[in-house]
């Protein structure tokens, strides 16, 4: 990504000599607090406890596996590879709905497969995975920008991280002067704290709305396109993303607003949305806002963290190889 445009969250998971440093998104932008993960288990807990999210877990897996390889340095190479493999399974399990952690792990596991110096190979694989992710985001961003006109008013939901950065960078390079409307995205207010803040850092006009407002805005003609990232896209064109995406997509179809879902590539192992495990988080998280309880002890909470938007509600799936209709997205692998 261009340094001219990159906001703080573009580089929020970093490898150091002493471990992995993760910018705590639970308190951003009010605090720029870094969590220091010294072990693979600490990296895994940082992902599970929402210290990082969106693109963050991908990079956490890359650098976490480098830690695992370092911890195994001095072991027999086969033993070291087994230890890194066990670490990969632990890290992939932290976010079962998203397929990016699995892709990150594949870079490292492939790199160490035939190498004697496992630690050096793991670092090489992680760096290759980092570069690949950023390249794909740039290419995907250009494909998405081609679908949007000058001055497009874009509604987005939750944070797309480098996905969204790739799109915005391409739009600005093409002189298209976009405007963004961000949902606040309960229960963590990720849209308010992460998406809106980062778009503002990039100099893009940004408006925040509550999660209940988008359908009304669409009916009034104040939204030209709904664009989100995705945690996974299946071969039938189903889009799995932050819970709330489905209702936005249905409203968009009702009011003639196209819905473009960004993903590097569809998951070749998932034929349809029903095959994707949906992560259910502790319902108590819904009962709190920024650390303060918003409902009494008499009330319980329910929190499916993601939902599945069926293909009929999706206009376009935008990949690093171009844009596909949901019915044609399987051709990505042809």
C-alpha atoms as a PDB file:
ATOM      1  CA  UNK A   1       0.000   0.000   0.000  1.00  0.00           C
ATOM      2  CA  UNK A   2       1.136   3.538  -0.624  1.00  0.00           C
ATOM      3  CA  UNK A   3       2.584   5.100   2.526  1.00  0.00           C
ATOM      4  CA  UNK A   4       0.807   8.304   1.527  1.00  0.00           C
ATOM      5  CA  UNK A   5      -2.527   6.649   2.178  1.00  0.00           C
ATOM      6  CA  UNK A   6      -1.824   3.959   4.747  1.00  0.00           C
ATOM      7  CA  UNK A   7      -3.563   4.579   8.072  1.00  0.00           C
ATOM      8  CA  UNK A   8      -2.426   3.204  11.414  1.00  0.00           C
ATOM      9  CA  UNK A   9      -4.338  -0.072  11.081  1.00  0.00           C
ATOM     10  CA  UNK A  10      -2.538  -0.995   7.873  1.00  0.00           C
ATOM     11  CA  UNK A  11       0.417  -2.170   9.957  1.00  0.00           C
ATOM     12  CA  UNK A  12      -1.082  -3.313  13.236  1.00  0.00           C
ATOM     13  CA  UNK A  13       0.534  -6.738  13.749  1.00  0.00           C
ATOM     14  CA  UNK A  14       4.324  -6.692  13.846  1.00  0.00           C
ATOM     15  CA  UNK A  15       7.065  -9.252  14.406  1.00  0.00           C
ATOM     16  CA  UNK A  16       9.855  -8.288  16.779  1.00  0.00           C
ATOM     17  CA  UNK A  17      12.882 -10.053  18.207  1.00  0.00           C
ATOM     18  CA  UNK A  18      10.932 -10.432  21.460  1.00  0.00           C
ATOM     19  CA  UNK A  19       7.626 -11.685  20.020  1.00  0.00           C
ATOM     20  CA  UNK A  20       4.592 -10.391  18.150  1.00  0.00           C
ATOM     21  CA  UNK A  21       3.249  -6.913  18.861  1.00  0.00           C
ATOM     22  CA  UNK A  22      -0.467  -6.391  18.213  1.00  0.00           C
ATOM     23  CA  UNK A  23      -2.225  -3.035  18.214  1.00  0.00           C
ATOM     24  CA  UNK A  24      -5.211  -3.380  20.536  1.00  0.00           C
ATOM     25  CA  UNK A  25      -8.244  -2.616  18.399  1.00  0.00           C
ATOM     26  CA  UNK A  26     -10.542  -2.857  21.409  1.00  0.00           C
ATOM     27  CA  UNK A  27      -9.397   0.602  22.553  1.00  0.00           C
ATOM     28  CA  UNK A  28      -8.377   2.175  19.221  1.00  0.00           C
ATOM     29  CA  UNK A  29      -8.461   5.094  18.314  1.00  0.00           C
ATOM     30  CA  UNK A  30      -8.746   6.453  21.852  1.00  0.00           C
ATOM     31  CA  UNK A  31      -5.565   4.628  22.858  1.00  0.00           C
ATOM     32  CA  UNK A  32      -2.700   3.318  20.754  1.00  0.00           C
ATOM     33  CA  UNK A  33      -1.910   0.384  23.014  1.00  0.00           C
ATOM     34  CA  UNK A  34       0.183  -2.559  21.859  1.00  0.00           C
ATOM     35  CA  UNK A  35      -0.231  -6.063  23.269  1.00  0.00           C
ATOM     36  CA  UNK A  36       3.017  -8.016  23.442  1.00  0.00           C
ATOM     37  CA  UNK A  37       2.542 -11.709  22.625  1.00  0.00           C
ATOM     38  CA  UNK A  38       5.648 -13.700  23.526  1.00  0.00           C
ATOM     39  CA  UNK A  39       4.321 -17.169  22.675  1.00  0.00           C
ATOM     40  CA  UNK A  40       2.040 -18.836  20.144  1.00  0.00           C
ATOM     41  CA  UNK A  41      -0.612 -19.264  22.816  1.00  0.00           C
ATOM     42  CA  UNK A  42      -0.528 -15.546  23.613  1.00  0.00           C
ATOM     43  CA  UNK A  43      -0.925 -14.751  19.913  1.00  0.00           C
ATOM     44  CA  UNK A  44      -3.903 -17.127  19.736  1.00  0.00           C
ATOM     45  CA  UNK A  45      -5.568 -15.512  22.747  1.00  0.00           C
ATOM     46  CA  UNK A  46      -5.022 -12.050  21.255  1.00  0.00           C
ATOM     47  CA  UNK A  47      -7.038 -13.150  18.217  1.00  0.00           C
ATOM     48  CA  UNK A  48      -9.748 -14.867  20.266  1.00  0.00           C
ATOM     49  CA  UNK A  49     -10.123 -11.896  22.603  1.00  0.00           C
ATOM     50  CA  UNK A  50     -10.529  -9.452  19.687  1.00  0.00           C
ATOM     51  CA  UNK A  51      -7.269  -7.611  20.268  1.00  0.00           C
ATOM     52  CA  UNK A  52      -7.052  -7.869  16.490  1.00  0.00           C
ATOM     53  CA  UNK A  53      -9.625  -8.672  13.819  1.00  0.00           C
ATOM     54  CA  UNK A  54     -10.337  -8.277  10.098  1.00  0.00           C
ATOM     55  CA  UNK A  55      -6.956  -8.666   8.333  1.00  0.00           C
ATOM     56  CA  UNK A  56      -5.182  -8.804  11.687  1.00  0.00           C
ATOM     57  CA  UNK A  57      -5.560 -12.555  12.313  1.00  0.00           C
ATOM     58  CA  UNK A  58      -3.944 -13.345   8.954  1.00  0.00           C
ATOM     59  CA  UNK A  59      -0.788 -11.513   9.958  1.00  0.00           C
ATOM     60  CA  UNK A  60      -1.006 -12.836  13.513  1.00  0.00           C
ATOM     61  CA  UNK A  61      -0.883 -16.375  12.115  1.00  0.00           C
ATOM     62  CA  UNK A  62       2.101 -15.577   9.892  1.00  0.00           C
ATOM     63  CA  UNK A  63       4.181 -14.063  12.670  1.00  0.00           C
ATOM     64  CA  UNK A  64       2.868 -16.472  15.314  1.00  0.00           C
ATOM     65  CA  UNK A  65       4.206 -19.388  13.284  1.00  0.00           C
ATOM     66  CA  UNK A  66       7.571 -17.662  13.098  1.00  0.00           C
ATOM     67  CA  UNK A  67       7.497 -17.616  16.903  1.00  0.00           C
ATOM     68  CA  UNK A  68       6.667 -21.328  16.907  1.00  0.00           C
ATOM     69  CA  UNK A  69       9.634 -22.033  14.636  1.00  0.00           C
ATOM     70  CA  UNK A  70      11.905 -19.965  16.847  1.00  0.00           C
ATOM     71  CA  UNK A  71      10.711 -21.867  19.914  1.00  0.00           C
ATOM     72  CA  UNK A  72      11.588 -25.130  18.150  1.00  0.00           C
ATOM     73  CA  UNK A  73      15.010 -23.918  17.053  1.00  0.00           C
ATOM     74  CA  UNK A  74      17.553 -26.571  18.003  1.00  0.00           C
ATOM     75  CA  UNK A  75      15.079 -29.433  17.732  1.00  0.00           C
ATOM     76  CA  UNK A  76      15.420 -32.114  15.105  1.00  0.00           C
ATOM     77  CA  UNK A  77      13.964 -30.563  11.883  1.00  0.00           C
ATOM     78  CA  UNK A  78      11.123 -33.083  11.736  1.00  0.00           C
ATOM     79  CA  UNK A  79      10.214 -32.403  15.355  1.00  0.00           C
ATOM     80  CA  UNK A  80      10.379 -28.670  14.680  1.00  0.00           C
ATOM     81  CA  UNK A  81       8.052 -29.020  11.701  1.00  0.00           C
ATOM     82  CA  UNK A  82       5.608 -30.988  13.844  1.00  0.00           C
ATOM     83  CA  UNK A  83       5.650 -28.272  16.494  1.00  0.00           C
ATOM     84  CA  UNK A  84       4.980 -25.588  13.884  1.00  0.00           C
ATOM     85  CA  UNK A  85       2.154 -27.719  12.472  1.00  0.00           C
ATOM     86  CA  UNK A  86       0.564 -27.979  15.918  1.00  0.00           C
ATOM     87  CA  UNK A  87       0.870 -24.210  16.329  1.00  0.00           C
ATOM     88  CA  UNK A  88      -0.804 -23.738  12.947  1.00  0.00           C
ATOM     89  CA  UNK A  89      -3.775 -25.838  14.017  1.00  0.00           C
ATOM     90  CA  UNK A  90      -4.128 -23.802  17.203  1.00  0.00           C
ATOM     91  CA  UNK A  91      -3.981 -20.470  15.388  1.00  0.00           C
ATOM     92  CA  UNK A  92      -6.342 -21.488  12.581  1.00  0.00           C
ATOM     93  CA  UNK A  93      -8.927 -22.541  15.182  1.00  0.00           C
ATOM     94  CA  UNK A  94      -9.060 -19.041  16.675  1.00  0.00           C
ATOM     95  CA  UNK A  95     -11.436 -17.743  13.958  1.00  0.00           C
ATOM     96  CA  UNK A  96     -13.225 -20.723  12.375  1.00  0.00           C
ATOM     97  CA  UNK A  97     -15.441 -18.706  10.012  1.00  0.00           C
ATOM     98  CA  UNK A  98     -12.646 -16.863   8.241  1.00  0.00           C
ATOM     99  CA  UNK A  99     -10.457 -18.848   5.839  1.00  0.00           C
ATOM    100  CA  UNK A 100      -7.559 -16.356   5.792  1.00  0.00           C
ATOM    101  CA  UNK A 101      -5.748 -17.863   8.833  1.00  0.00           C
ATOM    102  CA  UNK A 102      -5.625 -21.175   6.989  1.00  0.00           C
ATOM    103  CA  UNK A 103      -4.137 -19.451   3.938  1.00  0.00           C
ATOM    104  CA  UNK A 104      -1.542 -17.698   6.095  1.00  0.00           C
ATOM    105  CA  UNK A 105      -0.519 -20.962   7.716  1.00  0.00           C
ATOM    106  CA  UNK A 106      -0.145 -22.610   4.305  1.00  0.00           C
ATOM    107  CA  UNK A 107       2.616 -20.159   3.336  1.00  0.00           C
ATOM    108  CA  UNK A 108       4.697 -21.080   6.359  1.00  0.00           C
ATOM    109  CA  UNK A 109       3.984 -24.807   6.331  1.00  0.00           C
ATOM    110  CA  UNK A 110       4.894 -25.070   2.663  1.00  0.00           C
ATOM    111  CA  UNK A 111       8.098 -23.102   3.229  1.00  0.00           C
ATOM    112  CA  UNK A 112       9.326 -25.384   6.015  1.00  0.00           C
ATOM    113  CA  UNK A 113       8.293 -28.680   4.413  1.00  0.00           C
ATOM    114  CA  UNK A 114      11.688 -29.634   2.984  1.00  0.00           C
ATOM    115  CA  UNK A 115      14.022 -27.335   4.883  1.00  0.00           C
ATOM    116  CA  UNK A 116      16.507 -28.223   7.593  1.00  0.00           C
ATOM    117  CA  UNK A 117      16.654 -24.657   8.974  1.00  0.00           C
ATOM    118  CA  UNK A 118      13.025 -24.470  10.012  1.00  0.00           C
ATOM    119  CA  UNK A 119      13.227 -21.072  11.710  1.00  0.00           C
ATOM    120  CA  UNK A 120      14.755 -19.360   8.666  1.00  0.00           C
ATOM    121  CA  UNK A 121      12.309 -21.079   6.320  1.00  0.00           C
ATOM    122  CA  UNK A 122       9.332 -20.047   8.457  1.00  0.00           C
ATOM    123  CA  UNK A 123      10.408 -16.407   8.341  1.00  0.00           C
ATOM    124  CA  UNK A 124      10.792 -16.589   4.556  1.00  0.00           C
ATOM    125  CA  UNK A 125       7.333 -18.144   4.225  1.00  0.00           C
ATOM    126  CA  UNK A 126       5.741 -15.543   6.482  1.00  0.00           C
ATOM    127  CA  UNK A 127       7.305 -12.702   4.534  1.00  0.00           C
ATOM    128  CA  UNK A 128       6.052 -14.236   1.296  1.00  0.00           C
ATOM    129  CA  UNK A 129       2.559 -14.504   2.796  1.00  0.00           C
ATOM    130  CA  UNK A 130       2.685 -10.854   3.869  1.00  0.00           C
ATOM    131  CA  UNK A 131       3.707  -9.686   0.396  1.00  0.00           C
ATOM    132  CA  UNK A 132       1.106 -11.896  -1.301  1.00  0.00           C
ATOM    133  CA  UNK A 133      -1.732 -10.545   0.834  1.00  0.00           C
ATOM    134  CA  UNK A 134      -0.830  -6.936   0.128  1.00  0.00           C
ATOM    135  CA  UNK A 135      -0.459  -7.593  -3.606  1.00  0.00           C
ATOM    136  CA  UNK A 136      -3.840  -9.278  -3.781  1.00  0.00           C
ATOM    137  CA  UNK A 137      -5.449  -6.354  -1.976  1.00  0.00           C
ATOM    138  CA  UNK A 138      -4.062  -3.896  -4.505  1.00  0.00           C
ATOM    139  CA  UNK A 139      -5.289  -5.972  -7.440  1.00  0.00           C
ATOM    140  CA  UNK A 140      -8.679  -6.566  -5.859  1.00  0.00           C
ATOM    141  CA  UNK A 141      -8.961  -2.859  -5.072  1.00  0.00           C
ATOM    142  CA  UNK A 142      -8.426  -1.917  -8.704  1.00  0.00           C
ATOM    143  CA  UNK A 143     -11.097  -4.397  -9.788  1.00  0.00           C
ATOM    144  CA  UNK A 144     -13.540  -2.973  -7.249  1.00  0.00           C
ATOM    145  CA  UNK A 145     -12.802   0.642  -8.161  1.00  0.00           C
ATOM    146  CA  UNK A 146     -13.738  -0.103 -11.773  1.00  0.00           C
ATOM    147  CA  UNK A 147     -17.307  -0.813 -10.602  1.00  0.00           C
ATOM    148  CA  UNK A 148     -17.768   2.573  -8.926  1.00  0.00           C
ATOM    149  CA  UNK A 149     -18.385   5.911 -10.577  1.00  0.00           C
ATOM    150  CA  UNK A 150     -16.976   9.354  -9.810  1.00  0.00           C
ATOM    151  CA  UNK A 151     -18.182  10.666  -6.473  1.00  0.00           C
ATOM    152  CA  UNK A 152     -19.760   7.331  -5.523  1.00  0.00           C
ATOM    153  CA  UNK A 153     -21.408   7.289  -2.102  1.00  0.00           C
ATOM    154  CA  UNK A 154     -20.322   3.942  -0.694  1.00  0.00           C
ATOM    155  CA  UNK A 155     -21.902   2.238   2.294  1.00  0.00           C
ATOM    156  CA  UNK A 156     -19.658  -0.212   4.116  1.00  0.00           C
ATOM    157  CA  UNK A 157     -20.120  -2.447   7.149  1.00  0.00           C
ATOM    158  CA  UNK A 158     -17.460  -3.219   9.713  1.00  0.00           C
ATOM    159  CA  UNK A 159     -13.822  -2.964   8.702  1.00  0.00           C
ATOM    160  CA  UNK A 160     -12.244  -4.312   5.541  1.00  0.00           C
ATOM    161  CA  UNK A 161      -8.673  -3.471   6.590  1.00  0.00           C
ATOM    162  CA  UNK A 162      -6.275  -3.859   3.676  1.00  0.00           C
ATOM    163  CA  UNK A 163      -9.233  -4.924   1.533  1.00  0.00           C
ATOM    164  CA  UNK A 164     -10.809  -1.527   1.976  1.00  0.00           C
ATOM    165  CA  UNK A 165      -7.473   0.255   1.717  1.00  0.00           C
ATOM    166  CA  UNK A 166      -6.839  -1.361  -1.649  1.00  0.00           C
ATOM    167  CA  UNK A 167     -10.209  -0.128  -2.895  1.00  0.00           C
ATOM    168  CA  UNK A 168      -9.820   3.409  -1.556  1.00  0.00           C
ATOM    169  CA  UNK A 169      -6.285   3.733  -2.864  1.00  0.00           C
ATOM    170  CA  UNK A 170      -7.436   2.709  -6.350  1.00  0.00           C
ATOM    171  CA  UNK A 171     -10.403   5.082  -6.261  1.00  0.00           C
ATOM    172  CA  UNK A 172      -8.212   8.011  -5.263  1.00  0.00           C
ATOM    173  CA  UNK A 173      -5.557   7.161  -7.858  1.00  0.00           C
ATOM    174  CA  UNK A 174      -8.305   7.218 -10.492  1.00  0.00           C
ATOM    175  CA  UNK A 175      -9.529  10.594  -9.247  1.00  0.00           C
ATOM    176  CA  UNK A 176     -12.995   9.249  -8.454  1.00  0.00           C
ATOM    177  CA  UNK A 177     -13.436  11.208  -5.194  1.00  0.00           C
ATOM    178  CA  UNK A 178     -15.537   8.660  -3.252  1.00  0.00           C
ATOM    179  CA  UNK A 179     -17.559   9.332  -0.129  1.00  0.00           C
ATOM    180  CA  UNK A 180     -18.158   6.679   2.508  1.00  0.00           C
ATOM    181  CA  UNK A 181     -20.967   5.952   4.929  1.00  0.00           C
ATOM    182  CA  UNK A 182     -19.972   3.605   7.770  1.00  0.00           C
ATOM    183  CA  UNK A 183     -22.254   1.639  10.034  1.00  0.00           C
ATOM    184  CA  UNK A 184     -21.164   1.796  13.656  1.00  0.00           C
ATOM    185  CA  UNK A 185     -21.172  -2.041  13.824  1.00  0.00           C
ATOM    186  CA  UNK A 186     -22.249  -3.253  17.212  1.00  0.00           C
ATOM    187  CA  UNK A 187     -21.269  -4.733  19.580  1.00  0.00           C
ATOM    188  CA  UNK A 188     -17.671  -3.523  19.311  1.00  0.00           C
ATOM    189  CA  UNK A 189     -18.381  -0.345  17.316  1.00  0.00           C
ATOM    190  CA  UNK A 190     -15.757  -1.431  14.809  1.00  0.00           C
ATOM    191  CA  UNK A 191     -17.239   0.709  12.086  1.00  0.00           C
ATOM    192  CA  UNK A 192     -17.175   3.795  14.289  1.00  0.00           C
ATOM    193  CA  UNK A 193     -13.746   3.224  15.796  1.00  0.00           C
ATOM    194  CA  UNK A 194     -11.866   1.440  13.018  1.00  0.00           C
ATOM    195  CA  UNK A 195     -13.480   1.923   9.603  1.00  0.00           C
ATOM    196  CA  UNK A 196     -14.507   5.554   9.958  1.00  0.00           C
ATOM    197  CA  UNK A 197     -11.256   6.529  11.666  1.00  0.00           C
ATOM    198  CA  UNK A 198      -9.100   4.937   8.984  1.00  0.00           C
ATOM    199  CA  UNK A 199     -11.086   6.404   6.100  1.00  0.00           C
ATOM    200  CA  UNK A 200     -10.783   9.810   7.713  1.00  0.00           C
ATOM    201  CA  UNK A 201      -7.014   9.277   8.018  1.00  0.00           C
ATOM    202  CA  UNK A 202      -6.950   8.698   4.257  1.00  0.00           C
ATOM    203  CA  UNK A 203      -8.726  11.983   3.668  1.00  0.00           C
ATOM    204  CA  UNK A 204     -11.970  10.430   2.412  1.00  0.00           C
ATOM    205  CA  UNK A 205     -15.244  12.186   3.358  1.00  0.00           C
ATOM    206  CA  UNK A 206     -16.788   9.845   5.898  1.00  0.00           C
ATOM    207  CA  UNK A 207     -20.175   9.779   7.635  1.00  0.00           C
ATOM    208  CA  UNK A 208     -21.074   7.495  10.526  1.00  0.00           C
ATOM    209  CA  UNK A 209     -24.584   6.059  10.928  1.00  0.00           C
ATOM    210  CA  UNK A 210     -26.115   3.598  13.341  1.00  0.00           C
ATOM    211  CA  UNK A 211     -26.717   0.040  12.224  1.00  0.00           C
ATOM    212  CA  UNK A 212     -30.442   0.758  11.909  1.00  0.00           C
ATOM    213  CA  UNK A 213     -30.194   3.622   9.391  1.00  0.00           C
ATOM    214  CA  UNK A 214     -28.902   2.223   6.038  1.00  0.00           C
ATOM    215  CA  UNK A 215     -32.218   0.999   4.564  1.00  0.00           C
ATOM    216  CA  UNK A 216     -33.728   4.439   5.019  1.00  0.00           C
ATOM    217  CA  UNK A 217     -30.694   6.066   3.402  1.00  0.00           C
ATOM    218  CA  UNK A 218     -30.937   3.701   0.458  1.00  0.00           C
ATOM    219  CA  UNK A 219     -34.602   4.502  -0.046  1.00  0.00           C
ATOM    220  CA  UNK A 220     -33.742   8.205  -0.074  1.00  0.00           C
ATOM    221  CA  UNK A 221     -31.149   7.623  -2.819  1.00  0.00           C
ATOM    222  CA  UNK A 222     -28.206   8.571  -0.612  1.00  0.00           C
ATOM    223  CA  UNK A 223     -26.201   5.386  -1.234  1.00  0.00           C
ATOM    224  CA  UNK A 224     -24.793   4.390  -4.636  1.00  0.00           C
ATOM    225  CA  UNK A 225     -23.239   1.065  -3.658  1.00  0.00           C
ATOM    226  CA  UNK A 226     -22.861  -1.272  -0.720  1.00  0.00           C
ATOM    227  CA  UNK A 227     -19.274  -2.568  -0.521  1.00  0.00           C
ATOM    228  CA  UNK A 228     -17.993  -4.892   2.189  1.00  0.00           C
ATOM    229  CA  UNK A 229     -15.131  -7.245   2.745  1.00  0.00           C
ATOM    230  CA  UNK A 230     -15.876 -10.906   3.373  1.00  0.00           C
ATOM    231  CA  UNK A 231     -14.592 -13.501   5.786  1.00  0.00           C
ATOM    232  CA  UNK A 232     -15.274 -16.178   3.211  1.00  0.00           C
ATOM    233  CA  UNK A 233     -16.988 -16.553  -0.176  1.00  0.00           C
ATOM    234  CA  UNK A 234     -18.184 -20.001  -1.216  1.00  0.00           C
ATOM    235  CA  UNK A 235     -18.256 -21.437  -4.721  1.00  0.00           C
ATOM    236  CA  UNK A 236     -21.983 -20.747  -5.134  1.00  0.00           C
ATOM    237  CA  UNK A 237     -21.406 -17.033  -4.516  1.00  0.00           C
ATOM    238  CA  UNK A 238     -22.564 -16.915  -0.891  1.00  0.00           C
ATOM    239  CA  UNK A 239     -20.833 -14.188   1.123  1.00  0.00           C
ATOM    240  CA  UNK A 240     -19.945 -14.840   4.759  1.00  0.00           C
ATOM    241  CA  UNK A 241     -19.161 -11.630   6.622  1.00  0.00           C
ATOM    242  CA  UNK A 242     -19.722  -9.680   9.822  1.00  0.00           C
ATOM    243  CA  UNK A 243     -23.237 -10.222  11.125  1.00  0.00           C
ATOM    244  CA  UNK A 244     -25.534  -7.551   9.711  1.00  0.00           C
ATOM    245  CA  UNK A 245     -24.256  -7.876   6.156  1.00  0.00           C
ATOM    246  CA  UNK A 246     -27.278  -9.973   5.183  1.00  0.00           C
ATOM    247  CA  UNK A 247     -29.830  -7.368   6.187  1.00  0.00           C
ATOM    248  CA  UNK A 248     -27.875  -4.654   4.361  1.00  0.00           C
ATOM    249  CA  UNK A 249     -27.707  -6.770   1.212  1.00  0.00           C
ATOM    250  CA  UNK A 250     -31.451  -7.477   1.293  1.00  0.00           C
ATOM    251  CA  UNK A 251     -32.199  -3.770   1.719  1.00  0.00           C
ATOM    252  CA  UNK A 252     -29.787  -2.920  -1.082  1.00  0.00           C
ATOM    253  CA  UNK A 253     -31.578  -5.272  -3.464  1.00  0.00           C
ATOM    254  CA  UNK A 254     -34.954  -3.835  -2.446  1.00  0.00           C
ATOM    255  CA  UNK A 255     -33.832  -0.293  -3.282  1.00  0.00           C
ATOM    256  CA  UNK A 256     -31.758  -1.008  -6.387  1.00  0.00           C
ATOM    257  CA  UNK A 257     -28.333  -0.540  -4.796  1.00  0.00           C
ATOM    258  CA  UNK A 258     -25.599  -2.945  -5.987  1.00  0.00           C
ATOM    259  CA  UNK A 259     -23.755  -5.008  -3.396  1.00  0.00           C
ATOM    260  CA  UNK A 260     -20.104  -5.681  -4.204  1.00  0.00           C
ATOM    261  CA  UNK A 261     -18.317  -8.132  -1.875  1.00  0.00           C
ATOM    262  CA  UNK A 262     -14.535  -8.093  -1.782  1.00  0.00           C
ATOM    263  CA  UNK A 263     -12.473 -11.262  -1.391  1.00  0.00           C
ATOM    264  CA  UNK A 264      -9.088 -12.359  -2.654  1.00  0.00           C
ATOM    265  CA  UNK A 265     -10.536 -15.650  -3.877  1.00  0.00           C
ATOM    266  CA  UNK A 266     -13.518 -17.899  -3.170  1.00  0.00           C
ATOM    267  CA  UNK A 267     -12.864 -20.848  -0.891  1.00  0.00           C
ATOM    268  CA  UNK A 268     -12.356 -23.852  -3.205  1.00  0.00           C
ATOM    269  CA  UNK A 269     -13.244 -26.206  -0.355  1.00  0.00           C
ATOM    270  CA  UNK A 270     -16.700 -24.739   0.410  1.00  0.00           C
ATOM    271  CA  UNK A 271     -19.467 -25.293  -2.142  1.00  0.00           C
ATOM    272  CA  UNK A 272     -22.159 -23.284  -0.349  1.00  0.00           C
ATOM    273  CA  UNK A 273     -22.679 -21.012   2.614  1.00  0.00           C
ATOM    274  CA  UNK A 274     -24.241 -23.735   4.753  1.00  0.00           C
ATOM    275  CA  UNK A 275     -20.856 -25.478   4.891  1.00  0.00           C
ATOM    276  CA  UNK A 276     -19.136 -22.576   6.638  1.00  0.00           C
ATOM    277  CA  UNK A 277     -19.026 -22.765  10.462  1.00  0.00           C
ATOM    278  CA  UNK A 278     -20.439 -19.612  12.019  1.00  0.00           C
ATOM    279  CA  UNK A 279     -18.584 -18.461  15.102  1.00  0.00           C
ATOM    280  CA  UNK A 280     -20.842 -17.789  18.071  1.00  0.00           C
ATOM    281  CA  UNK A 281     -19.225 -15.543  20.631  1.00  0.00           C
ATOM    282  CA  UNK A 282     -20.233 -15.110  24.256  1.00  0.00           C
ATOM    283  CA  UNK A 283     -23.657 -13.458  24.315  1.00  0.00           C
ATOM    284  CA  UNK A 284     -22.531 -11.237  27.175  1.00  0.00           C
ATOM    285  CA  UNK A 285     -20.471  -9.253  24.661  1.00  0.00           C
ATOM    286  CA  UNK A 286     -23.737  -7.938  23.172  1.00  0.00           C
ATOM    287  CA  UNK A 287     -24.720  -6.603  26.600  1.00  0.00           C
ATOM    288  CA  UNK A 288     -21.765  -4.227  26.762  1.00  0.00           C
ATOM    289  CA  UNK A 289     -20.674  -1.158  24.815  1.00  0.00           C
ATOM    290  CA  UNK A 290     -17.063   0.008  25.134  1.00  0.00           C
ATOM    291  CA  UNK A 291     -16.706  -1.845  28.391  1.00  0.00           C
ATOM    292  CA  UNK A 292     -19.933  -0.628  29.992  1.00  0.00           C
ATOM    293  CA  UNK A 293     -22.999  -2.791  30.435  1.00  0.00           C
ATOM    294  CA  UNK A 294     -25.944  -1.584  28.340  1.00  0.00           C
ATOM    295  CA  UNK A 295     -28.622  -3.982  29.633  1.00  0.00           C
ATOM    296  CA  UNK A 296     -29.542  -5.196  33.096  1.00  0.00           C
ATOM    297  CA  UNK A 297     -28.602  -8.521  34.640  1.00  0.00           C
ATOM    298  CA  UNK A 298     -32.116  -9.737  33.837  1.00  0.00           C
ATOM    299  CA  UNK A 299     -31.340  -9.752  30.095  1.00  0.00           C
ATOM    300  CA  UNK A 300     -29.353 -12.365  28.153  1.00  0.00           C
ATOM    301  CA  UNK A 301     -27.476 -11.833  24.896  1.00  0.00           C
ATOM    302  CA  UNK A 302     -27.014 -13.797  21.667  1.00  0.00           C
ATOM    303  CA  UNK A 303     -24.038 -13.179  19.393  1.00  0.00           C
ATOM    304  CA  UNK A 304     -23.552 -14.979  16.086  1.00  0.00           C
ATOM    305  CA  UNK A 305     -20.499 -13.037  14.916  1.00  0.00           C
ATOM    306  CA  UNK A 306     -21.107 -13.624  11.189  1.00  0.00           C
ATOM    307  CA  UNK A 307     -23.960 -14.242   8.789  1.00  0.00           C
ATOM    308  CA  UNK A 308     -24.339 -15.748   5.332  1.00  0.00           C
ATOM    309  CA  UNK A 309     -25.652 -13.589   2.493  1.00  0.00           C
ATOM    310  CA  UNK A 310     -27.167 -15.860  -0.139  1.00  0.00           C
ATOM    311  CA  UNK A 311     -26.128 -15.389  -3.785  1.00  0.00           C
ATOM    312  CA  UNK A 312     -29.430 -13.798  -4.841  1.00  0.00           C
ATOM    313  CA  UNK A 313     -28.632 -10.771  -2.671  1.00  0.00           C
ATOM    314  CA  UNK A 314     -25.106 -10.304  -4.070  1.00  0.00           C
ATOM    315  CA  UNK A 315     -24.413  -8.281  -7.208  1.00  0.00           C
ATOM    316  CA  UNK A 316     -20.692  -8.891  -7.625  1.00  0.00           C
ATOM    317  CA  UNK A 317     -17.861 -10.771  -5.982  1.00  0.00           C
ATOM    318  CA  UNK A 318     -14.655  -8.789  -6.496  1.00  0.00           C
ATOM    319  CA  UNK A 319     -11.417 -10.802  -6.448  1.00  0.00           C
ATOM    320  CA  UNK A 320      -7.763 -10.236  -7.248  1.00  0.00           C
ATOM    321  CA  UNK A 321      -8.526 -11.717 -10.690  1.00  0.00           C
ATOM    322  CA  UNK A 322     -11.405  -9.383 -11.401  1.00  0.00           C
ATOM    323  CA  UNK A 323     -15.138  -9.193 -10.715  1.00  0.00           C
ATOM    324  CA  UNK A 324     -17.531 -12.136 -11.013  1.00  0.00           C
ATOM    325  CA  UNK A 325     -21.269 -12.540 -10.718  1.00  0.00           C
ATOM    326  CA  UNK A 326     -22.185 -14.941  -7.888  1.00  0.00           C
ATOM    327  CA  UNK A 327     -23.154 -17.586 -10.455  1.00  0.00           C
ATOM    328  CA  UNK A 328     -19.737 -17.350 -12.109  1.00  0.00           C
ATOM    329  CA  UNK A 329     -17.489 -17.023  -9.058  1.00  0.00           C
ATOM    330  CA  UNK A 330     -16.469 -20.698  -9.271  1.00  0.00           C
ATOM    331  CA  UNK A 331     -14.718 -19.837 -12.532  1.00  0.00           C
ATOM    332  CA  UNK A 332     -12.021 -18.109 -10.485  1.00  0.00           C
ATOM    333  CA  UNK A 333     -10.428 -21.547 -10.179  1.00  0.00           C
ATOM    334  CA  UNK A 334     -10.942 -22.556 -13.815  1.00  0.00           C
END
